Amino acid sequence: MDFDEVLKEVGSFGLYQKVIICSVLLPAALPCAFHAYSQLFIAATPQHWCRVPELEPWTQDYVQLVKNLSIPRNRHGAYAECSMYARNYSDIVRYLEYRPPFDLIRQEAEDLLKLQPESARIVPCQHGWHYDKSIYSSTVVQEWNLVCDRSYLVTLALVIFGVGGLLGNYVFGYLVDMWGRRPSFYAYLLLEIAACAASAFAWNFSVWLALRFVVGLTVPAILASPYVLAIELVGPDRRVFCTIVSNIAYSLGLVVLAGVIYIVRDWRELSLAVSMPLLMLFSCFFLLPESPRWLMAVGQTKRATKILKVMARVNGVRITRDFVERLQHRLVTTKAAESSATTHYGILDLFRGTNMRRKTLIITLIWFANTSVYVGLSYYAPALGGDEIWNFFLAGAVELPTYVLLWPGLSYFGRRWILFISMLVGGVACVATFVFPKITLLLYCVGKMGISSSFVVLPLLASELYPTVVRGLGMSFSSVVAMIGPIVIPIINHMGQQMLALPLIVMGALLIVGGFASLLLPETRNRNLPQTLEEGEAVSLSILLCCCVESSNKKIRPGNRPRVIPEVGAASVYHRVESSSSGPASCKVVCSICKKEMRTL
C-alpha cells in the first residue's frame, strides 16, 4: 500500500491542504519560537554595580558621581560589577551635603577621591546592587539578584530548560504515534501556555525554574507535531513547500518576538504576552484534521476514509460510488494496516535492521549538530555587543533570505547536497571568527544563515527516511539526543565570556563534522514516503563519490537473468533487483542509469 497514490485520488495539494497549512499549521510555529527564546530576555542580565546605602540619595540624579566614588574600574576602563571600594562613606556624605548640584556634576568626585587613601581596599558588594533599567524595567535577574557569585543560576535555568526539552521529546515520540498528531499537539500546547503564564506569578526563583522546566518539556514537541502533520497531508512534490513555509513561519515568530520584547520590558508581563495570545490556536481544534496517513498506518481505515472524502470534496474531486469503492480498495490492498493496529513500535525498532540502524545514527548525529549550533547561535546573539533586542531581531531576520534560495534548490538539487553545503558554509564561517575577529558580526550572520538552511533540510530529509509507523518516534528520538546540545551549549557560551570566539569555534567544528556525515544519507527528492519498517529498510545508504561499482564476476545464466522491478515513484533513481535463481531470495540495489550494482555501507 502506498498512501501517496491514495492522495493523488483526492488531490495531493489542493484547497484543503492549503487552508489547513496556512490557517492552522503555520501559526502553530509561533508557540515554539516564543517560548524557546523569550527566556533570554525574561532572565536578561542588565548592567549593574554595587549598592552603597550612604550614597543612595544621590544615585538617581548623580549616577556617574556615585560610581566614581564607590566603584573601581577594570583595565578596559569599565566599571566593576561585583566589587566596590571600602571607604568611609559617612565623611563623603557630609561633604556632598554642602555642595551645590552644579559642583557635583562638574567635579565628578575628583576632590572627594583626594580625601580618601589612594590605595583604597576593594571588596565584594556588601549591600546588593543597582541595575541599569534603561533597557529592561524588570527581569528575573533583578528580581532575585542573580549576578556575580549567583550568575551561574541564569545558565542553570537554560540548562534545566534544555533538560525539559530532552525529556519532553522522549515522551512526545510515543504520544504522537500512540494518540495521533492532533491530540498530542493540543495537549502540549495547553501545558505550555499554562506553565508559561503561571511562571509570571512565581514568588521565588525555585518556583520559576520549575515552571520553566515544564515549558521546556513542550517546546520541541510543539514544533514537530504540526510539521509532521503537514508533510503527511501532501504529496512528495509538495514536501519542500511545507518545509520552507514552516521555517519561514518560525523565523517570523522570532522577528515578532523581538517586537513583543521591544514593547514589553517587564519579565512578568512578557511571560503573559508570549503565552496568553496563543489560546487563539484552540479555535482551530475542530478544523485541524488527524493525519489520514497515520490513521491508515494504525489500521483506522474508516476514519481515514472519512477524512479523505472531505479532502476530495474540498479539493473539487467528484465523489462517486466508483471513486469510493476505488478509494476503499486502495486502503485495504495490504495487511500492513491490520498488523500495525495491533503492533506497538519502540526505540529498538529503529535499530533492528542494518540500514535503519545506520540511518538513525547518522540522522541523530546531524540533528545533534544542527540543534546545538542553532540554539547556541541564538543564545549567543546578546554577546555580540550593542542592542541585545536588535541583535536578536537580526538573528531571526537573517534567516529569511536563505529560504528564497532553498525553495528552488531543494526541488532541483535534492536534499543531501544542500544539507552538506549549508552545514559546511556555516561551520567554516563560525570557525573563521577566530582568524578574523574584526568581522565577527558578519561571520556570525553567515553562520546563522548556514545553520538555518540546514535546519530546514534536515527535518525534511529525516521525515522522508523514517517509515510512517515510526516517523514520529524516529524524529523524536533524534530530537531527544539532539537536545543534549542545548543543555551543554549554555555552559560553553558561559565559558566563552573570557574568549568570545570559543563558542563559535566549537559550534563550527560540530557543523563541519555533521556536514560530511550527511553525504552518507540517500537522496529522497520526489520519492514516496516509506510506510512500513520493511520499506524503510529497503532504502540503503549512499556513498560519498560514485554510486556504481562493477557487478560480481560471476556470470549469469541466460535463463536466470535478474528481473528489475521499479520502485514506487516516477522519479526514483535506483531499483530493486530480485533474483529468480533458486535458493534464498536476495535483494540488490542498482543504478537506473548505468544498471550497475550500487555500493551500500
Foldseek 3Di string as FASTA:
>chain_A
DFVLVLCVLQPQDFPLLVCCCVVALLVLLLLLLQLLPVLCQQAPAFQKAADDVLCVVCCPPCVLLVQVQWFDADPVRHTDHWKTFPWPVVVVSVVVVPDDPVCCVVCSCVVVVVVTDPCTDMDTRDHAMDGDPPQFVAHLCVVAVCDDVNVVVSLVLLLLLLLLLLVLLQVLLQCCLPVFLQVSLVVLLVQLLVLLLVLLVDPHDVSNSVSSSSNSSRNVSSLPSSLLLSVLSHHQLCNLVSLLSNLVSNLVSLLVSLVLCNVHRHSSVSSNVSRVVCVVSVVCSVVNDTRLLSCLQLQVNVSSLVVSVVSSVNRVHDDDPVSSVVSVCVSPVDCNNVVNNPDDDDPVLCCPFPQSNLVLVLLLLLLLLLLLLLSLLLSLQCVVDDDSSVSSSLLSVLQNVLSVVVSVCCQPVFQLVQLLVLLLQLLVLLQCCVVVVVPNVVSSSRNSNSSSSNVSRSLSLLLQLDASSSSSVSVSVSSSSSSVSSSCSSVQCVVCPVPVSRSSNVSSVSSNVSSVSSLFADTRRQHRGHHDSVSSSLRFTADNDDFFDADDPDDDDPVFDWDWDADPGPPDQWTWTWTPDDDDIDIFIAGPPPRGTTDGD
